[in-house]
Amino acid sequence: MSNKLMIAAAGSGKTTLIVNKALAQCSGNVLITTYTQANAEEIIKKIVLFNRAFPPYITVQPWFSFLLQHGVKPYQGSLFNGKIRGLLLVNEQSGYTITDKGKVYFSESGQFSRHYFTGSQKIFSDKLSKFVVRTNEKSNGAVINRLKRIYTHIFVDEVQDLAGYDLEVLKLLFSTDAEILLVGDPRQVTYLTHHEKLHSGYKNGAIKKFISDKKLDCLIDETTLQKSHRNNQIICNFSSRLFPNLPASMPCQDTACRAEPPGHSGIFLVRATDVIAYSKIYVPTVLRYNNANEQEFNFGMSKGLGFDRVLIYPTAAIVKFLKDGRLTKTVKGKEQPAFNLAKFYVALTRARFSVAIVCDFKNEAYLPEITKWNVISSEQMTLFS
């Protein structure tokens, strides 16, 4: 069988490709796993849309659910005799106590339980894949042998989000007889599953380098999924500014994809006082860096989704970029990203037709793709300086 890594641009149809490949399997069982719950739900919806029913031979699971069900529970007794009472999601390195010298982390060898678990026996999310690898070692490969018996095809969407011991799990998957398909966009590393030092050189979407360096049996395809079926030319141009070292994304030329609505396409600035009026006219989906309400999405949680129009609440650093176009800043003599490029890229590329960014602009200049939206006169004046 042919294992493959496919490098994708935003809106290039990677989820559609995965769904079609899964539905096309005539025998065996297919696992589709992806990092976010939102993307897993989107995959399920698309399967039902294409097939009118959900086939019994396809399983769709978020990455952590997959690791818990197939990596932890079947053979956890080979590593840990206690009862695991669920998962605790963390966004920093877990398993520590605070002393007068700061954080002191519990070691795996000396304080096993406190290294992996909370006091209520929930496993830390950043230790989950490490626990799976250790369980497979202690059980003499039973974890992976069980997967071999269950799945003939394993498809991993949003593979760029995997890091540390997740990559060790991928290596184990390649040792099975299953056909492995990995799909991801290195520009969309909005989440890291954990912050383990292992494989730290591959944590920013460098999955291609990992596959090459480890000489895994996997073809690398960088051409099939490079044109966006979602974003128009202006959105492609503007979002490509964020990653100048990667090929610029381009809109596909399929007439069905390029059916633009009249009168309002592109990148717009909207004053905070005009948001209600703008939203009544164009009904955009609201995206926030964080603290989204039930009708909105945080930048990261919107990954994998597509909308006709979005309205973005930017950070101060993003607003600065809209003016000067600078992607880096100097901190203590070192260059680092001026803001979270990946999250802003994801937010921009959710839109098919228009992106509105909430910004109380005056007469200052902004990047040339940007248009100022004025509710009073309904005039938009494109700036070229």
Protein backbone atom coordinates (compact mmCIF):
# COMPACT_ATOMS: atom_id res chain seq x y z
CA MET A 1 0.00 0.00 0.00
CA SER A 2 1.08 3.59 -0.59
CA ASN A 3 1.43 5.87 2.42
CA LYS A 4 1.25 9.57 1.64
CA LEU A 5 1.72 13.01 3.16
CA MET A 6 -0.21 15.74 1.35
CA ILE A 7 0.74 19.37 1.99
CA ALA A 8 -2.41 21.47 1.56
CA ALA A 9 -3.33 25.12 1.20
CA ALA A 10 -6.34 26.50 3.08
CA GLY A 11 -9.60 25.72 1.30
CA SER A 12 -7.94 23.33 -1.13
CA GLY A 13 -10.42 20.53 -0.49
CA LYS A 14 -8.38 18.32 1.81
CA THR A 15 -11.38 17.29 3.90
CA THR A 16 -13.33 16.47 0.74
CA LEU A 17 -10.39 14.40 -0.51
CA ILE A 18 -10.19 12.48 2.77
CA VAL A 19 -13.94 11.83 2.80
CA ASN A 20 -13.99 10.66 -0.81
CA LYS A 21 -11.05 8.31 -0.21
CA ALA A 22 -12.75 6.89 2.87
CA LEU A 23 -16.06 6.34 1.07
CA ALA A 24 -14.26 4.70 -1.86
CA GLN A 25 -12.86 1.86 0.23
CA CYS A 26 -14.51 -1.38 -0.78
CA SER A 27 -13.18 -3.48 2.08
CA GLY A 28 -11.68 -3.05 5.52
CA ASN A 29 -12.19 -0.36 8.16
CA VAL A 30 -11.20 3.29 7.94
CA LEU A 31 -10.17 5.56 10.81
CA ILE A 32 -10.21 9.32 10.25
CA THR A 33 -8.69 11.32 13.09
CA THR A 34 -8.13 15.05 13.45
CA TYR A 35 -7.13 17.33 16.31
CA THR A 36 -10.23 19.47 16.90
CA GLN A 37 -13.76 18.39 17.74
CA ALA A 38 -15.08 21.00 15.28
CA ASN A 39 -13.16 19.48 12.39
CA ALA A 40 -14.25 15.96 13.34
CA GLU A 41 -17.87 17.13 13.23
CA GLU A 42 -17.28 18.79 9.86
CA ILE A 43 -15.89 15.52 8.47
CA ILE A 44 -18.91 13.59 9.76
CA LYS A 45 -21.30 16.12 8.18
CA LYS A 46 -19.52 15.84 4.86
CA ILE A 47 -19.62 12.04 4.90
CA VAL A 48 -23.38 12.11 5.48
CA LEU A 49 -23.83 14.81 2.81
CA PHE A 50 -21.94 12.78 0.21
CA ASN A 51 -23.24 9.35 1.17
CA ARG A 52 -26.71 10.13 2.65
CA ALA A 53 -25.83 7.83 5.55
CA PHE A 54 -22.83 7.12 7.74
CA PRO A 55 -21.08 3.90 6.67
CA PRO A 56 -20.36 1.39 9.46
CA TYR A 57 -16.80 0.83 8.24
CA ILE A 58 -15.71 4.46 8.87
CA THR A 59 -14.79 5.84 12.30
CA VAL A 60 -14.18 9.56 12.86
CA GLN A 61 -12.49 10.56 16.12
CA PRO A 62 -10.64 13.59 17.49
CA TRP A 63 -6.98 12.75 18.13
CA PHE A 64 -7.24 12.63 21.93
CA SER A 65 -10.31 10.37 21.79
CA PHE A 66 -8.45 8.04 19.45
CA LEU A 67 -5.46 7.88 21.79
CA LEU A 68 -7.65 7.21 24.83
CA GLN A 69 -9.76 4.50 23.20
CA HIS A 70 -7.10 2.65 21.25
CA GLY A 71 -3.84 3.65 22.92
CA VAL A 72 -4.56 3.89 26.63
CA LYS A 73 -7.55 1.81 27.70
CA PRO A 74 -6.96 -1.62 26.12
CA TYR A 75 -3.56 -2.28 27.73
CA GLN A 76 -3.09 0.42 30.36
CA GLY A 77 -2.64 -2.27 33.02
CA SER A 78 0.76 -3.10 31.59
CA LEU A 79 1.93 0.37 32.67
CA PHE A 80 -0.46 1.62 35.36
CA ASN A 81 -2.80 -0.27 37.69
CA GLY A 82 -4.98 2.63 38.76
CA LYS A 83 -8.25 3.76 37.19
CA ILE A 84 -7.91 6.56 34.63
CA ARG A 85 -10.86 8.90 35.09
CA GLY A 86 -10.74 10.91 31.88
CA LEU A 87 -8.60 13.63 30.34
CA LEU A 88 -7.55 17.09 31.50
CA LEU A 89 -6.79 19.49 28.65
CA VAL A 90 -3.74 21.64 29.37
CA ASN A 91 -2.05 24.40 27.38
CA GLU A 92 1.34 24.22 29.06
CA GLN A 93 3.69 21.55 30.35
CA SER A 94 1.85 19.65 33.08
CA GLY A 95 2.80 17.72 36.20
CA TYR A 96 4.53 20.19 38.49
CA THR A 97 4.49 21.75 41.93
CA ILE A 98 5.38 25.32 42.78
CA THR A 99 8.19 26.01 45.24
CA ASP A 100 10.05 29.15 46.26
CA LYS A 101 12.31 28.42 43.29
CA GLY A 102 9.42 28.26 40.84
CA LYS A 103 7.91 25.27 39.06
CA VAL A 104 9.40 21.85 39.77
CA TYR A 105 8.27 19.15 37.35
CA PHE A 106 7.57 15.58 38.45
CA SER A 107 9.75 13.01 36.70
CA GLU A 108 8.35 9.97 34.94
CA SER A 109 10.76 7.61 36.67
CA GLY A 110 10.54 9.01 40.20
CA GLN A 111 6.96 10.27 40.48
CA PHE A 112 5.06 8.39 37.79
CA SER A 113 1.51 9.13 38.90
CA ARG A 114 2.05 12.86 39.43
CA HIS A 115 3.94 13.06 36.11
CA TYR A 116 0.98 11.71 34.12
CA PHE A 117 -2.13 12.39 36.20
CA THR A 118 -4.03 14.94 38.25
CA GLY A 119 -4.92 14.16 41.85
CA SER A 120 -8.29 12.87 40.61
CA GLN A 121 -6.57 10.47 38.17
CA LYS A 122 -7.28 12.39 34.98
CA ILE A 123 -4.46 12.02 32.48
CA PHE A 124 -2.85 15.27 31.30
CA SER A 125 -3.47 15.87 27.59
CA ASP A 126 0.19 16.70 26.96
CA LYS A 127 1.23 13.29 28.37
CA LEU A 128 -1.35 11.22 26.52
CA SER A 129 0.69 10.20 23.48
CA LYS A 130 3.72 9.55 25.70
CA PHE A 131 1.59 7.20 27.81
CA VAL A 132 0.47 5.40 24.64
CA VAL A 133 4.07 4.91 23.49
CA ARG A 134 5.11 3.61 26.93
CA THR A 135 2.09 1.28 27.07
CA ASN A 136 2.96 -0.14 23.66
CA GLU A 137 6.53 -0.75 24.86
CA LYS A 138 5.45 -2.44 28.10
CA SER A 139 2.85 -4.60 26.33
CA ASN A 140 5.36 -5.81 23.73
CA GLY A 141 3.61 -4.00 20.91
CA ALA A 142 0.08 -5.07 21.82
CA VAL A 143 -1.34 -1.57 21.27
CA ILE A 144 -0.18 -1.38 17.67
CA ASN A 145 -0.93 -5.05 16.99
CA ARG A 146 -4.52 -4.42 18.05
CA LEU A 147 -4.78 -1.45 15.67
CA LYS A 148 -3.45 -3.66 12.87
CA ARG A 149 -6.38 -5.99 13.41
CA ILE A 150 -8.98 -3.20 13.41
CA TYR A 151 -8.07 -0.69 10.68
CA THR A 152 -6.90 -1.14 7.11
CA HIS A 153 -6.75 2.62 6.47
CA ILE A 154 -5.78 5.43 8.86
CA PHE A 155 -6.23 9.03 7.70
CA VAL A 156 -4.89 11.90 9.83
CA ASP A 157 -6.25 15.36 9.04
CA GLU A 158 -4.57 18.56 10.36
CA VAL A 159 -1.37 16.58 10.89
CA GLN A 160 0.61 19.81 11.33
CA ASP A 161 -0.81 20.13 14.88
CA LEU A 162 0.87 16.95 16.10
CA ALA A 163 4.07 17.30 18.12
CA GLY A 164 6.45 15.48 20.45
CA TYR A 165 5.30 11.96 21.26
CA ASP A 166 2.45 12.30 18.76
CA LEU A 167 5.12 11.92 16.11
CA GLU A 168 6.28 8.73 17.83
CA VAL A 169 2.69 7.48 17.59
CA LEU A 170 2.77 8.29 13.87
CA LYS A 171 5.95 6.24 13.51
CA LEU A 172 4.17 3.34 15.17
CA LEU A 173 1.22 3.70 12.79
CA PHE A 174 3.62 3.44 9.86
CA SER A 175 4.74 0.08 11.24
CA THR A 176 1.25 -1.35 10.75
CA ASP A 177 -0.10 -2.78 7.50
CA ALA A 178 -2.67 0.02 7.27
CA GLU A 179 -2.53 2.57 4.47
CA ILE A 180 -1.59 5.87 6.10
CA LEU A 181 -2.70 9.23 4.68
CA LEU A 182 -1.52 12.42 6.39
CA VAL A 183 -2.93 15.78 5.31
CA GLY A 184 -2.05 19.20 6.68
CA ASP A 185 -1.11 22.82 6.12
CA PRO A 186 2.10 24.01 7.86
CA ARG A 187 0.63 27.53 7.96
CA GLN A 188 -2.19 26.39 10.25
CA VAL A 189 -0.37 25.32 13.41
CA THR A 190 -2.94 26.93 15.70
CA TYR A 191 -2.73 24.22 18.33
CA LEU A 192 0.08 22.05 19.53
CA THR A 193 -1.15 18.88 21.18
CA HIS A 194 1.61 19.29 23.76
CA HIS A 195 4.94 20.92 24.50
CA GLU A 196 7.23 17.92 24.95
CA LYS A 197 10.92 18.57 24.23
CA LEU A 198 11.05 15.39 22.13
CA HIS A 199 11.09 16.28 18.41
CA SER A 200 10.90 19.99 19.29
CA GLY A 201 12.52 20.81 15.95
CA TYR A 202 9.40 19.59 14.14
CA LYS A 203 6.71 21.33 16.20
CA ASN A 204 5.95 24.27 13.91
CA GLY A 205 4.39 22.36 11.05
CA ALA A 206 7.62 20.70 9.90
CA ILE A 207 5.94 17.35 9.28
CA LYS A 208 7.55 17.06 5.84
CA LYS A 209 11.00 17.37 7.40
CA PHE A 210 10.08 14.78 10.04
CA ILE A 211 8.96 12.26 7.40
CA SER A 212 12.14 12.87 5.40
CA ASP A 213 14.55 12.84 8.35
CA LYS A 214 13.11 9.63 9.81
CA LYS A 215 13.03 7.99 6.36
CA LEU A 216 9.46 6.82 6.82
CA ASP A 217 7.83 4.87 3.99
CA CYS A 218 5.72 7.77 2.79
CA LEU A 219 5.31 9.70 -0.46
CA ILE A 220 5.19 13.50 -0.14
CA ASP A 221 2.71 15.32 -2.39
CA GLU A 222 3.03 19.13 -2.46
CA THR A 223 1.04 19.84 -5.63
CA THR A 224 -2.40 18.22 -5.53
CA LEU A 225 -3.88 20.45 -2.81
CA GLN A 226 -2.37 23.85 -3.55
CA LYS A 227 -5.33 25.78 -4.99
CA SER A 228 -8.10 27.18 -2.83
CA HIS A 229 -11.69 26.28 -3.68
CA ARG A 230 -12.82 28.70 -0.97
CA ASN A 231 -10.85 31.96 -1.00
CA ASN A 232 -10.99 34.55 -3.76
CA GLN A 233 -7.88 36.19 -5.23
CA ILE A 234 -7.75 39.10 -2.77
CA ILE A 235 -8.04 36.82 0.27
CA CYS A 236 -5.38 34.50 -1.20
CA ASN A 237 -3.04 37.44 -1.80
CA PHE A 238 -3.54 38.94 1.64
CA SER A 239 -3.25 35.69 3.61
CA SER A 240 -0.11 34.75 1.66
CA ARG A 241 1.60 37.85 3.10
CA LEU A 242 1.82 36.00 6.42
CA PHE A 243 4.09 33.22 5.12
CA PRO A 244 6.29 34.72 2.39
CA ASN A 245 8.67 31.74 2.48
CA LEU A 246 5.91 29.34 1.39
CA PRO A 247 4.27 29.26 -2.05
CA ALA A 248 1.47 31.82 -2.33
CA SER A 249 -1.96 30.25 -2.38
CA MET A 250 -4.04 30.72 -5.52
CA PRO A 251 -7.78 30.44 -6.15
CA CYS A 252 -8.85 27.55 -8.33
CA GLN A 253 -10.38 28.52 -11.66
CA ASP A 254 -13.44 26.27 -11.43
CA THR A 255 -16.44 28.46 -12.30
CA ALA A 256 -18.48 26.86 -9.52
CA CYS A 257 -15.91 28.01 -6.94
CA ARG A 258 -15.57 31.50 -8.37
CA ALA A 259 -19.24 32.47 -8.23
CA GLU A 260 -18.79 35.81 -6.46
CA PRO A 261 -21.78 37.67 -4.96
CA PRO A 262 -22.22 41.19 -6.35
CA GLY A 263 -20.84 44.23 -4.63
CA HIS A 264 -18.87 43.06 -1.60
CA SER A 265 -15.72 40.97 -1.98
CA GLY A 266 -12.31 41.49 -0.40
CA ILE A 267 -10.71 42.66 2.85
CA PHE A 268 -12.49 45.45 4.75
CA LEU A 269 -11.94 47.53 7.87
CA VAL A 270 -15.09 48.19 9.89
CA ARG A 271 -15.26 50.60 12.83
CA ALA A 272 -16.55 49.15 16.10
CA THR A 273 -19.49 51.56 16.01
CA ASP A 274 -20.44 50.24 12.56
CA VAL A 275 -20.32 46.51 13.36
CA ILE A 276 -24.07 46.18 14.02
CA ALA A 277 -24.97 47.92 10.75
CA TYR A 278 -22.39 45.91 8.80
CA SER A 279 -23.60 42.65 10.31
CA LYS A 280 -27.22 43.39 9.42
CA ILE A 281 -26.25 43.87 5.78
CA TYR A 282 -23.73 41.05 5.28
CA VAL A 283 -24.39 38.61 8.18
CA PRO A 284 -20.75 37.55 8.71
CA THR A 285 -19.60 34.81 11.07
CA VAL A 286 -17.72 36.38 13.98
CA LEU A 287 -14.19 35.18 14.77
CA ARG A 288 -12.27 36.23 17.88
CA TYR A 289 -8.74 35.48 19.04
CA ASN A 290 -10.32 34.12 22.23
CA ASN A 291 -13.42 34.51 24.44
CA ALA A 292 -15.91 33.80 21.65
CA ASN A 293 -19.55 33.35 22.69
CA GLU A 294 -21.84 30.52 21.59
CA GLN A 295 -22.63 32.11 18.21
CA GLU A 296 -18.99 32.88 17.46
CA PHE A 297 -15.70 31.03 16.98
CA ASN A 298 -12.23 31.49 18.38
CA PHE A 299 -9.64 31.67 15.59
CA GLY A 300 -8.25 28.22 16.31
CA MET A 301 -11.59 26.47 16.72
CA SER A 302 -12.72 27.73 13.31
CA LYS A 303 -10.05 25.67 11.57
CA GLY A 304 -11.52 23.29 9.02
CA LEU A 305 -14.66 25.40 8.63
CA GLY A 306 -15.71 27.70 5.81
CA PHE A 307 -18.09 30.67 5.68
CA ASP A 308 -19.21 33.11 3.00
CA ARG A 309 -18.17 36.09 5.13
CA VAL A 310 -16.30 36.57 8.39
CA LEU A 311 -15.87 39.47 10.79
CA ILE A 312 -12.62 39.34 12.76
CA TYR A 313 -11.86 40.98 16.09
CA PRO A 314 -8.06 41.42 15.87
CA THR A 315 -5.42 41.82 18.54
CA ALA A 316 -3.50 45.10 18.81
CA ALA A 317 -0.49 43.41 17.20
CA ILE A 318 -2.59 42.37 14.19
CA VAL A 319 -3.87 45.94 13.79
CA LYS A 320 -0.26 47.13 13.72
CA PHE A 321 0.49 44.60 10.98
CA LEU A 322 -2.45 45.90 8.93
CA LYS A 323 -0.62 49.22 8.80
CA ASP A 324 3.07 48.36 8.49
CA GLY A 325 3.03 44.76 7.17
CA ARG A 326 5.78 43.69 9.60
CA LEU A 327 5.71 40.02 10.57
CA THR A 328 8.42 40.12 13.24
CA LYS A 329 9.42 42.15 16.26
CA THR A 330 12.65 42.36 18.24
CA VAL A 331 12.54 41.18 21.85
CA LYS A 332 15.77 41.30 23.88
CA GLY A 333 17.77 41.44 20.69
CA LYS A 334 16.03 38.45 19.08
CA GLU A 335 13.57 38.41 16.20
CA GLN A 336 10.28 36.64 16.86
CA PRO A 337 6.81 36.64 15.28
CA ALA A 338 4.98 39.91 15.84
CA PHE A 339 1.75 37.99 16.53
CA ASN A 340 0.32 34.51 16.09
CA LEU A 341 0.61 34.26 12.31
CA ALA A 342 -1.04 30.85 12.06
CA LYS A 343 -4.17 31.82 13.96
CA PHE A 344 -4.67 34.98 11.91
CA TYR A 345 -4.06 32.98 8.72
CA VAL A 346 -6.77 30.53 9.76
CA ALA A 347 -9.20 33.35 10.52
CA LEU A 348 -8.60 35.06 7.17
CA THR A 349 -8.93 31.90 5.12
CA ARG A 350 -12.30 30.85 6.55
CA ALA A 351 -14.00 33.31 4.17
CA ARG A 352 -15.15 32.68 0.62
CA PHE A 353 -16.02 36.24 -0.33
CA SER A 354 -15.23 38.87 2.30
CA VAL A 355 -13.21 39.44 5.46
CA ALA A 356 -14.16 42.35 7.72
CA ILE A 357 -11.70 43.36 10.44
CA VAL A 358 -12.91 45.50 13.33
CA CYS A 359 -10.61 48.53 13.45
CA ASP A 360 -11.25 52.15 14.38
CA PHE A 361 -9.40 53.60 11.41
CA LYS A 362 -8.89 57.27 10.67
CA ASN A 363 -6.89 58.69 7.77
CA GLU A 364 -3.81 56.51 8.22
CA ALA A 365 -2.61 54.18 5.46
CA TYR A 366 -3.14 50.41 5.51
CA LEU A 367 -1.90 47.55 3.35
CA PRO A 368 -3.02 47.87 -0.29
CA GLU A 369 -5.50 44.97 -0.29
CA ILE A 370 -7.51 46.65 2.47
CA THR A 371 -10.68 48.70 1.90
CA LYS A 372 -12.27 51.03 4.47
CA TRP A 373 -15.99 50.45 4.93
CA ASN A 374 -18.17 53.46 5.76
CA VAL A 375 -21.70 52.81 6.98
CA ILE A 376 -22.90 56.36 6.42
CA SER A 377 -22.12 56.72 2.75
CA SER A 378 -21.71 53.00 1.93
CA GLU A 379 -18.54 54.01 0.14
CA GLN A 380 -15.37 51.96 0.36
CA MET A 381 -12.15 53.76 -0.47
CA THR A 382 -9.32 51.39 -1.41
CA LEU A 383 -5.95 52.55 -0.18
CA PHE A 384 -2.86 52.06 -2.29
CA SER A 385 -0.29 53.46 0.13
